[in-house]
Each structure stands twice: as structure tokens, then as C-alpha cells.
Protein backbone atom coordinates (compact mmCIF):
# COMPACT_ATOMS: atom_id res chain seq x y z
CA UNK A 1 73.58 -9.78 -39.50
CA UNK A 2 74.41 -6.49 -41.25
CA UNK A 3 76.28 -8.15 -44.12
CA UNK A 4 73.35 -10.51 -44.61
CA UNK A 5 70.91 -7.72 -45.45
CA UNK A 6 73.36 -5.97 -47.76
CA UNK A 7 73.96 -9.18 -49.65
CA UNK A 8 70.27 -10.00 -49.83
CA UNK A 9 69.29 -6.61 -51.20
CA UNK A 10 71.82 -6.85 -54.03
CA UNK A 11 69.82 -6.47 -57.21
CA UNK A 12 66.68 -5.09 -55.56
CA UNK A 13 66.24 -1.44 -56.48
CA UNK A 14 63.09 -0.93 -54.40
CA UNK A 15 63.23 -2.34 -50.87
CA UNK A 16 60.71 -0.21 -48.95
CA UNK A 17 57.70 0.44 -51.18
CA UNK A 18 55.59 -2.58 -52.17
CA UNK A 19 54.78 -3.37 -55.77
CA UNK A 20 51.05 -3.51 -55.04
CA UNK A 21 49.56 -0.98 -52.63
CA UNK A 22 46.92 -2.73 -50.51
CA UNK A 23 43.48 -1.29 -49.77
CA UNK A 24 42.96 0.10 -46.27
CA UNK A 25 40.03 -2.27 -45.58
CA UNK A 26 42.52 -5.13 -44.94
CA UNK A 27 41.00 -7.30 -47.64
CA UNK A 28 44.49 -7.94 -48.97
CA UNK A 29 43.52 -6.83 -52.47
CA UNK A 30 45.50 -4.30 -54.45
CA UNK A 31 44.07 -0.80 -54.26
CA UNK A 32 41.78 0.03 -57.19
CA UNK A 33 43.10 2.37 -59.87
CA UNK A 34 46.66 1.63 -58.79
CA UNK A 35 48.51 -0.67 -61.16
CA UNK A 36 51.11 -3.00 -59.65
CA UNK A 37 54.66 -2.11 -60.56
CA UNK A 38 56.25 -3.54 -63.70
CA UNK A 39 59.70 -3.99 -62.13
CA UNK A 40 58.79 -7.05 -60.08
CA UNK A 41 62.24 -8.57 -60.51
CA UNK A 42 63.86 -5.61 -58.76
CA UNK A 43 61.21 -5.00 -56.07
CA UNK A 44 61.52 -6.75 -52.70
CA UNK A 45 57.89 -6.63 -51.46
CA UNK A 46 54.78 -7.54 -53.46
CA UNK A 47 52.41 -6.10 -50.83
CA UNK A 48 52.57 -5.22 -47.14
CA UNK A 49 53.24 -8.80 -46.06
CA UNK A 50 54.57 -10.84 -49.00
CA UNK A 51 57.87 -10.89 -50.81
CA UNK A 52 57.95 -10.83 -54.62
CA UNK A 53 58.60 -13.97 -56.63
CA UNK A 54 62.15 -12.75 -57.30
CA UNK A 55 62.84 -12.40 -53.56
CA UNK A 56 61.40 -15.84 -52.81
CA UNK A 57 63.44 -17.38 -55.63
CA UNK A 58 66.61 -15.86 -54.17
CA UNK A 59 65.82 -17.21 -50.69
CA UNK A 60 65.25 -20.74 -52.00
CA UNK A 61 68.35 -20.60 -54.19
CA UNK A 62 70.51 -19.59 -51.25
CA UNK A 63 68.94 -22.16 -48.93
CA UNK A 64 69.74 -25.03 -51.27
CA UNK A 65 73.11 -23.91 -52.57
CA UNK A 66 74.23 -21.35 -50.01
CA UNK A 67 77.83 -20.38 -49.56
CA UNK A 68 77.75 -19.36 -45.93
CA UNK A 69 74.70 -17.10 -46.01
CA UNK A 70 72.46 -19.93 -44.89
CA UNK A 71 74.02 -22.76 -42.94
CA UNK A 72 73.93 -25.63 -43.62
CA UNK A 73 73.80 -26.14 -47.36
CA UNK A 74 70.57 -28.16 -47.46
CA UNK A 75 71.38 -30.00 -50.67
CA UNK A 76 74.62 -31.35 -49.16
CA UNK A 77 73.14 -32.10 -45.74
CA UNK A 78 70.08 -33.95 -46.99
CA UNK A 79 71.93 -36.03 -49.59
CA UNK A 80 74.84 -37.15 -47.42
CA UNK A 81 74.85 -40.66 -45.94
CA UNK A 82 75.03 -39.26 -42.41
CA UNK A 83 73.14 -35.96 -42.35
CA UNK A 84 74.41 -33.55 -39.76
CA UNK A 85 70.89 -32.38 -38.99
CA UNK A 86 67.66 -34.32 -38.72
CA UNK A 87 65.00 -33.22 -41.24
CA UNK A 88 62.94 -31.54 -38.52
CA UNK A 89 65.94 -29.43 -37.52
CA UNK A 90 66.56 -28.49 -41.14
CA UNK A 91 62.95 -27.41 -41.60
CA UNK A 92 63.01 -25.41 -38.38
CA UNK A 93 66.26 -23.70 -39.41
CA UNK A 94 64.75 -22.86 -42.81
CA UNK A 95 61.62 -21.33 -41.25
CA UNK A 96 63.58 -19.37 -38.66
CA UNK A 97 65.92 -18.00 -41.32
CA UNK A 98 63.08 -16.87 -43.56
CA UNK A 99 61.13 -15.28 -40.71
CA UNK A 100 64.25 -13.47 -39.47
CA UNK A 101 64.94 -12.24 -43.01
CA UNK A 102 61.40 -10.99 -43.46
CA UNK A 103 60.93 -9.24 -40.13
CA UNK A 104 64.43 -7.71 -40.10
CA UNK A 105 63.89 -6.27 -43.56
CA UNK A 106 60.54 -4.60 -42.85
CA UNK A 107 60.72 -0.83 -43.23
CA UNK A 108 60.08 1.10 -40.04
CA UNK A 109 56.83 2.46 -41.49
CA UNK A 110 55.39 -1.08 -41.48
CA UNK A 111 56.51 -2.08 -38.00
CA UNK A 112 52.85 -1.96 -36.95
CA UNK A 113 52.46 -5.38 -38.61
CA UNK A 114 54.42 -6.93 -35.79
CA UNK A 115 52.16 -5.40 -33.15
CA UNK A 116 48.74 -5.63 -34.81
CA UNK A 117 46.31 -8.42 -34.14
CA UNK A 118 45.78 -10.81 -37.00
CA UNK A 119 42.38 -12.36 -37.61
CA UNK A 120 42.82 -15.82 -39.10
CA UNK A 121 39.09 -16.68 -39.26
CA UNK A 122 37.81 -17.30 -42.76
């Protein structure tokens, strides 16, 4: 898995500090008086829990036309007459890959996200 992270981070100059610092009140809003970074194409995280558009674009690009980073190549598997994987398996593989990528790339300073309780009530 070590080569995976090195390859993924290629092109991202900032991989630990988010582009938008989030307020402490857990509202999810950017902190006031702190402008989001301008280098969004070279920053990995938008905030404490979301990747930037550039990072998401790279994930999707590699999922659909991967050369060994993500197996299988979804474009080939889904368009073949006899797909090797059923669609549910492909979706599960996609979700597992993205979640592994995200949680393995979290800086140690944000490891509390994995242990904290999340309130999903709206």
C-alpha cells in the first residue's frame, strides 16, 4: 500500500493542512476571517473531512481508467459482454477503495475523526 500513497500524492503540494480551516463549533463552516486557500488544485483536503475537487477528480479518473492502481478497470469490466464482477461487487470495491484511501491518508493530528462520535441528526 506504500506505493499507492506515493503515487496518489503526486502533484499535491499540501497533503496535511486543509484548504479551509473549519470552525471549532462543528458546524462544518469555514472559520471566519480565514480565506480558503487559492491552490485548490494542489491541496489534498478541502476541510477536515472532505477531499478537494482535484483529489476527487483523480480518484474517479483512476477508477475508470486505472492501470493497476485500482483493480479492475471499471470501464473495461462494465462494458465487456461477460463482466468479471457483478455491478454490486464493483460498487463495493469502489467504496472500499475510496474509504481506504481517505482514512489511510489522514494526518495523525486528525486521527480523532475515526474515534469521535458523529451526530447524523438534522
